[in-house]
Amino acid sequence: MAFSTIQGRRFNELITNQKLQQSSERFLNGKELSWELQRGAILLDIRQPRQFASGHLAGSLNIAFYPDGFARQVSSFTSTGRPLVLVCETSLERLAAAFSLMQAGFNVIGYTELNFSTTLETFPQLTVRQLWQEISQGKLQQIMTVVDVRSQAEWEEYHIEGSIHLPYLEVPRRWQELESRRELTVVAAKRYHSLTVLSFLRQNGFGLVYEVPAGMPGWARSGLPIRRGK
């Protein structure tokens, strides 16, 4: 479940931490935000998949906030040496995320917000049927790469014939194995995994990237061809 409330001692520690409040409550926008990004700061969008997919700031990395394991996932896709600017839905969620990140050694320098005048980016999407149509037309061999970021066990249970297996947490150290000039479609078991990978690849210069919101569970439910085993 997404973060909703913090109770007891942890909440008291959170709201009385002056350094945390100063860092997470610094609002950045316009020239100040551009300046920090030019200096190497990372836009970390911690919103849930549906919100991020509906529109996000170009170049932002999406790692949806959940209380358990959040900082570990951020550590996998970026380094503690890069300052972070958060994008989120609520101030309480921002405070909780900043607390988790600072405990892990990250430097949270502030936050920014989306508004009606903000120019947003979206990832193009394919339904499983549309992806199958693309594959049936021979694009998988010619101009398209399908990257499956599920676990080894999930891959061996079933996968798309001709797809590449690149487990989620291995993407940050193996992404250069992918051809940036090809159309890239990412499939996963969970939407927040595919969006993290897509946003990470976009940060690293991949222009033609596609999301399949239904993921591999949707592919299996549709009765489309699968391959089992390695």
Protein backbone atom coordinates (compact mmCIF):
# COMPACT_ATOMS: atom_id res chain seq x y z
CA MET A 1 0.00 0.00 0.00
CA ALA A 2 1.10 3.61 -0.59
CA PHE A 3 2.12 5.70 2.42
CA SER A 4 -0.81 7.27 4.27
CA THR A 5 0.16 7.93 7.92
CA ILE A 6 3.02 7.62 10.40
CA GLN A 7 2.39 6.76 14.01
CA GLY A 8 4.04 6.94 17.43
CA ARG A 9 7.70 7.68 18.09
CA ARG A 10 8.72 7.55 14.42
CA PHE A 11 6.22 10.31 13.60
CA ASN A 12 7.47 12.49 16.45
CA GLU A 13 11.05 11.98 15.36
CA LEU A 14 10.08 12.88 11.81
CA ILE A 15 8.29 16.16 12.46
CA THR A 16 10.83 17.44 15.04
CA ASN A 17 13.89 16.86 12.88
CA GLN A 18 14.81 20.46 11.99
CA LYS A 19 17.34 19.55 9.32
CA LEU A 20 14.81 17.30 7.63
CA GLN A 21 12.14 19.98 7.64
CA GLN A 22 14.50 22.58 6.22
CA SER A 23 15.61 20.28 3.40
CA SER A 24 12.25 18.82 2.44
CA GLU A 25 10.36 22.12 2.76
CA ARG A 26 12.62 24.11 0.41
CA PHE A 27 10.52 24.85 -2.67
CA LEU A 28 12.38 24.97 -5.98
CA ASN A 29 10.92 26.24 -9.21
CA GLY A 30 11.91 28.22 -12.29
CA LYS A 31 15.51 29.40 -12.42
CA GLU A 32 16.43 27.95 -9.06
CA LEU A 33 15.26 24.47 -10.09
CA SER A 34 17.00 24.74 -13.48
CA TRP A 35 20.21 25.79 -11.75
CA GLU A 36 20.17 22.82 -9.37
CA LEU A 37 19.45 20.40 -12.23
CA GLN A 38 22.32 21.84 -14.26
CA ARG A 39 24.57 21.27 -11.26
CA GLY A 40 23.64 17.58 -11.22
CA ALA A 41 20.55 17.30 -9.04
CA ILE A 42 18.07 14.51 -9.86
CA LEU A 43 14.32 15.01 -10.06
CA LEU A 44 12.90 12.10 -8.07
CA ASP A 45 9.18 11.70 -8.68
CA ILE A 46 7.80 9.54 -5.86
CA ARG A 47 4.18 9.53 -7.00
CA GLN A 48 2.28 6.31 -7.68
CA PRO A 49 2.27 4.81 -11.22
CA ARG A 50 -1.05 6.21 -12.39
CA GLN A 51 -0.16 9.77 -11.39
CA PHE A 52 3.34 9.59 -12.90
CA ALA A 53 2.10 8.02 -16.14
CA SER A 54 -0.54 10.75 -16.59
CA GLY A 55 2.17 13.42 -16.78
CA HIS A 56 5.59 14.13 -15.30
CA LEU A 57 8.49 16.53 -15.61
CA ALA A 58 10.90 15.58 -18.39
CA GLY A 59 13.99 13.82 -17.10
CA SER A 60 12.49 12.77 -13.77
CA LEU A 61 13.14 9.37 -12.25
CA ASN A 62 10.02 7.65 -10.94
CA ILE A 63 10.35 5.46 -7.86
CA ALA A 64 6.96 5.25 -6.20
CA PHE A 65 7.10 5.78 -2.43
CA TYR A 66 6.29 2.84 -0.20
CA PRO A 67 7.49 2.77 3.42
CA ASP A 68 9.36 -0.51 3.04
CA GLY A 69 12.44 -0.67 0.82
CA PHE A 70 12.08 2.77 -0.75
CA ALA A 71 15.58 4.06 -0.03
CA ARG A 72 17.09 0.76 -1.16
CA GLN A 73 15.43 1.06 -4.55
CA VAL A 74 16.57 4.68 -4.90
CA SER A 75 20.10 3.50 -4.05
CA SER A 76 19.90 1.01 -6.91
CA PHE A 77 18.96 3.59 -9.54
CA THR A 78 21.05 6.57 -8.44
CA SER A 79 23.95 7.39 -6.14
CA THR A 80 23.94 8.97 -2.69
CA GLY A 81 26.29 11.64 -4.02
CA ARG A 82 23.65 13.17 -6.29
CA PRO A 83 21.36 15.78 -4.65
CA LEU A 84 17.65 15.01 -4.95
CA VAL A 85 14.64 17.23 -5.67
CA LEU A 86 11.37 15.48 -4.82
CA VAL A 87 8.07 15.55 -6.69
CA CYS A 88 5.08 14.11 -4.80
CA GLU A 89 1.38 14.38 -3.98
CA THR A 90 1.33 15.43 -0.31
CA SER A 91 3.60 17.21 2.15
CA LEU A 92 3.41 14.33 4.63
CA GLU A 93 4.51 11.85 1.99
CA ARG A 94 7.35 14.17 1.01
CA LEU A 95 8.48 14.43 4.63
CA ALA A 96 8.39 10.65 5.08
CA ALA A 97 10.30 10.05 1.85
CA ALA A 98 12.90 12.67 2.73
CA PHE A 99 13.34 11.10 6.16
CA SER A 100 13.90 7.66 4.63
CA LEU A 101 16.36 9.01 2.06
CA MET A 102 18.36 11.11 4.51
CA GLN A 103 18.63 8.14 6.87
CA ALA A 104 20.22 6.27 3.94
CA GLY A 105 22.72 9.07 3.31
CA PHE A 106 21.01 10.93 0.46
CA ASN A 107 21.07 14.71 0.17
CA VAL A 108 17.50 15.95 -0.30
CA ILE A 109 17.74 19.62 -1.25
CA GLY A 110 14.06 20.41 -1.71
CA TYR A 111 10.96 19.76 -3.75
CA THR A 112 9.00 21.08 -6.70
CA GLU A 113 5.37 20.85 -7.77
CA LEU A 114 3.35 20.31 -10.92
CA ASN A 115 0.77 22.94 -11.85
CA PHE A 116 -1.49 23.85 -14.75
CA SER A 117 1.27 25.82 -16.50
CA THR A 118 3.89 23.07 -16.21
CA THR A 119 4.91 21.31 -19.41
CA LEU A 120 4.59 17.58 -18.76
CA GLU A 121 5.84 14.49 -20.54
CA THR A 122 4.17 11.11 -20.92
CA PHE A 123 5.45 7.77 -22.14
CA PRO A 124 3.70 6.33 -25.20
CA GLN A 125 1.75 3.19 -24.33
CA LEU A 126 0.90 -0.07 -26.01
CA THR A 127 -1.84 -2.49 -25.07
CA VAL A 128 -0.83 -6.14 -25.10
CA ARG A 129 -2.80 -6.58 -28.33
CA GLN A 130 -1.00 -3.66 -29.94
CA LEU A 131 2.34 -5.09 -28.84
CA TRP A 132 1.40 -8.47 -30.31
CA GLN A 133 0.47 -6.77 -33.57
CA GLU A 134 3.86 -5.05 -33.69
CA ILE A 135 5.60 -8.36 -33.06
CA SER A 136 3.44 -10.14 -35.68
CA GLN A 137 4.56 -7.58 -38.25
CA GLY A 138 8.20 -8.53 -37.66
CA LYS A 139 9.25 -5.38 -35.82
CA LEU A 140 10.83 -7.36 -32.98
CA GLN A 141 13.53 -8.59 -35.33
CA GLN A 142 13.91 -5.28 -37.17
CA ILE A 143 13.50 -2.13 -35.06
CA MET A 144 12.00 -3.12 -31.69
CA THR A 145 13.41 -4.56 -28.47
CA VAL A 146 11.10 -5.94 -25.77
CA VAL A 147 12.75 -5.87 -22.33
CA ASP A 148 11.27 -8.05 -19.60
CA VAL A 149 12.34 -6.77 -16.16
CA ARG A 150 10.68 -9.46 -14.02
CA SER A 151 12.54 -11.90 -11.79
CA GLN A 152 14.27 -15.03 -13.07
CA ALA A 153 11.50 -17.26 -11.73
CA GLU A 154 8.81 -15.15 -13.41
CA TRP A 155 10.74 -15.17 -16.69
CA GLU A 156 11.11 -18.94 -16.66
CA GLU A 157 7.41 -19.40 -15.92
CA TYR A 158 6.54 -17.60 -19.17
CA HIS A 159 7.80 -14.80 -21.39
CA ILE A 160 7.43 -13.33 -24.87
CA GLU A 161 9.39 -15.17 -27.52
CA GLY A 162 12.30 -13.00 -28.64
CA SER A 163 12.23 -10.64 -25.65
CA ILE A 164 15.32 -9.81 -23.59
CA HIS A 165 15.46 -10.63 -19.89
CA LEU A 166 16.99 -7.86 -17.78
CA PRO A 167 15.88 -8.12 -14.12
CA TYR A 168 14.69 -4.90 -12.51
CA LEU A 169 17.55 -4.33 -10.07
CA GLU A 170 20.17 -5.24 -12.70
CA VAL A 171 19.07 -2.48 -15.09
CA PRO A 172 21.29 0.27 -13.56
CA ARG A 173 24.48 -1.71 -14.21
CA ARG A 174 23.46 -3.40 -17.47
CA TRP A 175 21.43 -0.80 -19.35
CA GLN A 176 24.27 -0.20 -21.81
CA GLU A 177 23.65 -3.69 -23.20
CA LEU A 178 20.52 -2.24 -24.83
CA GLU A 179 20.55 -0.49 -28.20
CA SER A 180 19.41 3.09 -27.73
CA ARG A 181 18.59 3.50 -31.44
CA ARG A 182 15.89 0.81 -31.38
CA GLU A 183 12.32 1.20 -30.18
CA LEU A 184 12.29 -0.09 -26.61
CA THR A 185 9.23 -1.63 -24.95
CA VAL A 186 9.45 -2.53 -21.24
CA VAL A 187 7.23 -5.21 -19.72
CA ALA A 188 7.02 -6.09 -16.04
CA ALA A 189 4.90 -7.85 -13.46
CA LYS A 190 4.26 -4.56 -11.64
CA ARG A 191 3.64 -1.23 -13.27
CA TYR A 192 5.83 0.72 -10.87
CA HIS A 193 8.79 -1.42 -11.95
CA SER A 194 8.28 -0.72 -15.64
CA LEU A 195 7.89 3.03 -15.03
CA THR A 196 11.05 3.17 -12.93
CA VAL A 197 12.98 1.41 -15.69
CA LEU A 198 11.47 3.58 -18.44
CA SER A 199 12.23 6.80 -16.58
CA PHE A 200 15.77 5.60 -15.85
CA LEU A 201 16.38 4.73 -19.51
CA ARG A 202 14.95 8.06 -20.64
CA GLN A 203 17.42 9.78 -18.28
CA ASN A 204 20.20 7.87 -20.02
CA GLY A 205 19.37 8.91 -23.56
CA PHE A 206 16.77 6.42 -24.78
CA GLY A 207 14.24 8.33 -26.84
CA LEU A 208 11.81 5.72 -28.20
CA VAL A 209 10.51 3.97 -25.08
CA TYR A 210 7.07 2.41 -24.65
CA GLU A 211 5.10 1.27 -21.64
CA VAL A 212 2.70 -1.69 -21.53
CA PRO A 213 0.47 -0.80 -18.54
CA ALA A 214 -1.08 -4.28 -18.30
CA GLY A 215 2.38 -5.85 -18.21
CA MET A 216 3.08 -9.54 -18.48
CA PRO A 217 0.07 -10.52 -16.32
CA GLY A 218 -2.11 -8.79 -18.92
CA TRP A 219 -0.29 -10.61 -21.72
CA ALA A 220 -0.93 -13.96 -20.06
CA ARG A 221 -4.59 -13.17 -19.37
CA SER A 222 -5.09 -12.32 -23.05
CA GLY A 223 -4.03 -15.80 -24.13
CA LEU A 224 -1.25 -14.50 -26.39
CA PRO A 225 1.69 -16.75 -27.31
CA ILE A 226 4.25 -17.39 -24.59
CA ARG A 227 7.45 -19.33 -24.19
CA ARG A 228 8.30 -21.27 -21.02
CA GLY A 229 11.69 -21.98 -19.52
CA LYS A 230 14.96 -20.13 -20.03
